[in-house]
């Protein structure tokens, strides 16, 4: 309205107030119905692949210093051997 600060969405003030009967709500979540055993097995396989990938990622990170890696330093040492671990 006139005299109020505009939001980042509108960027221009409105001349009319929002109607009082407007209700705002989030959309309903879509429910997935599993009708065939093949679909259940397919989704189970996908979840197993994601879990396996996560396990491989953890194995890669085991024994390397992620702090030094993020800082752009050499990170081929364990976190307990890191000279910067107390910084």
Protein backbone atom coordinates (compact mmCIF):
# COMPACT_ATOMS: atom_id res chain seq x y z
CA UNK A 1 0.00 0.00 0.00
CA UNK A 2 1.06 3.59 -0.32
CA UNK A 3 3.67 4.57 2.24
CA UNK A 4 4.76 0.98 2.93
CA UNK A 5 8.05 -0.60 1.96
CA UNK A 6 7.80 -2.78 -1.15
CA UNK A 7 8.90 -6.39 -1.01
CA UNK A 8 11.38 -8.07 -3.30
CA UNK A 9 8.59 -9.80 -5.19
CA UNK A 10 6.31 -6.88 -6.04
CA UNK A 11 8.93 -4.11 -6.41
CA UNK A 12 6.07 -1.59 -6.80
CA UNK A 13 3.48 -0.52 -4.21
CA UNK A 14 -0.06 -1.81 -4.62
CA UNK A 15 -3.05 0.52 -4.75
CA UNK A 16 -5.54 -2.04 -3.38
CA UNK A 17 -5.32 -4.17 -0.24
CA UNK A 18 -5.34 -7.95 -0.46
CA UNK A 19 -8.85 -9.40 0.07
CA UNK A 20 -9.42 -10.76 3.59
CA UNK A 21 -10.85 -14.07 2.37
CA UNK A 22 -7.67 -15.17 0.52
CA UNK A 23 -6.15 -18.25 2.16
CA UNK A 24 -2.55 -19.24 1.63
CA UNK A 25 -1.54 -22.88 1.96
CA UNK A 26 1.14 -25.23 0.78
CA UNK A 27 0.23 -27.71 -1.93
CA UNK A 28 -0.50 -31.25 -0.89
CA UNK A 29 2.23 -33.79 -1.21
CA UNK A 30 1.66 -36.22 -4.01
CA UNK A 31 1.29 -39.74 -2.76
CA UNK A 32 2.94 -42.49 -4.72
CA UNK A 33 0.96 -45.69 -4.86
CA UNK A 34 3.01 -48.79 -5.52
CA UNK A 35 0.81 -51.01 -7.62
CA UNK A 36 3.34 -53.52 -8.91
CA UNK A 37 6.13 -55.49 -7.28
CA UNK A 38 8.47 -54.44 -10.08
CA UNK A 39 8.16 -50.78 -9.05
CA UNK A 40 8.91 -51.60 -5.41
CA UNK A 41 11.96 -53.60 -6.45
CA UNK A 42 13.10 -50.83 -8.81
CA UNK A 43 12.93 -48.18 -6.13
CA UNK A 44 14.64 -50.49 -3.64
CA UNK A 45 17.46 -50.99 -6.14
CA UNK A 46 17.81 -47.22 -6.62
CA UNK A 47 18.00 -46.69 -2.85
CA UNK A 48 20.66 -49.40 -2.60
CA UNK A 49 22.70 -47.68 -5.32
CA UNK A 50 22.51 -44.35 -3.47
CA UNK A 51 23.56 -46.01 -0.22
CA UNK A 52 26.46 -47.81 -1.93
CA UNK A 53 27.61 -44.55 -3.50
CA UNK A 54 27.50 -42.84 -0.11
CA UNK A 55 29.56 -45.67 1.40
CA UNK A 56 32.17 -45.33 -1.35
CA UNK A 57 32.35 -41.58 -0.76
CA UNK A 58 32.92 -42.16 2.96
CA UNK A 59 35.68 -44.66 2.22
CA UNK A 60 37.39 -42.11 -0.02
CA UNK A 61 37.26 -39.48 2.71
CA UNK A 62 38.53 -41.85 5.41
CA UNK A 63 42.09 -40.97 6.27
CA UNK A 64 42.22 -37.57 4.59
CA UNK A 65 41.96 -34.18 6.22
CA UNK A 66 38.81 -32.51 4.93
CA UNK A 67 39.68 -29.25 6.69
CA UNK A 68 42.87 -28.86 4.67
CA UNK A 69 41.07 -29.98 1.52
CA UNK A 70 38.51 -27.21 1.92
CA UNK A 71 41.28 -24.70 2.61
CA UNK A 72 43.07 -25.70 -0.62
CA UNK A 73 46.05 -27.24 1.14
CA UNK A 74 47.51 -30.73 0.81
CA UNK A 75 45.08 -33.11 2.48
CA UNK A 76 46.75 -36.51 2.16
CA UNK A 77 47.18 -36.81 5.93
CA UNK A 78 44.77 -37.97 8.62
CA UNK A 79 42.87 -35.40 10.66
CA UNK A 80 44.71 -36.49 13.83
CA UNK A 81 48.04 -35.69 12.12
CA UNK A 82 46.91 -32.26 10.90
CA UNK A 83 49.06 -29.41 12.12
CA UNK A 84 46.05 -27.07 11.92
CA UNK A 85 43.59 -29.21 13.87
CA UNK A 86 43.48 -26.85 16.85
CA UNK A 87 43.06 -23.62 14.84
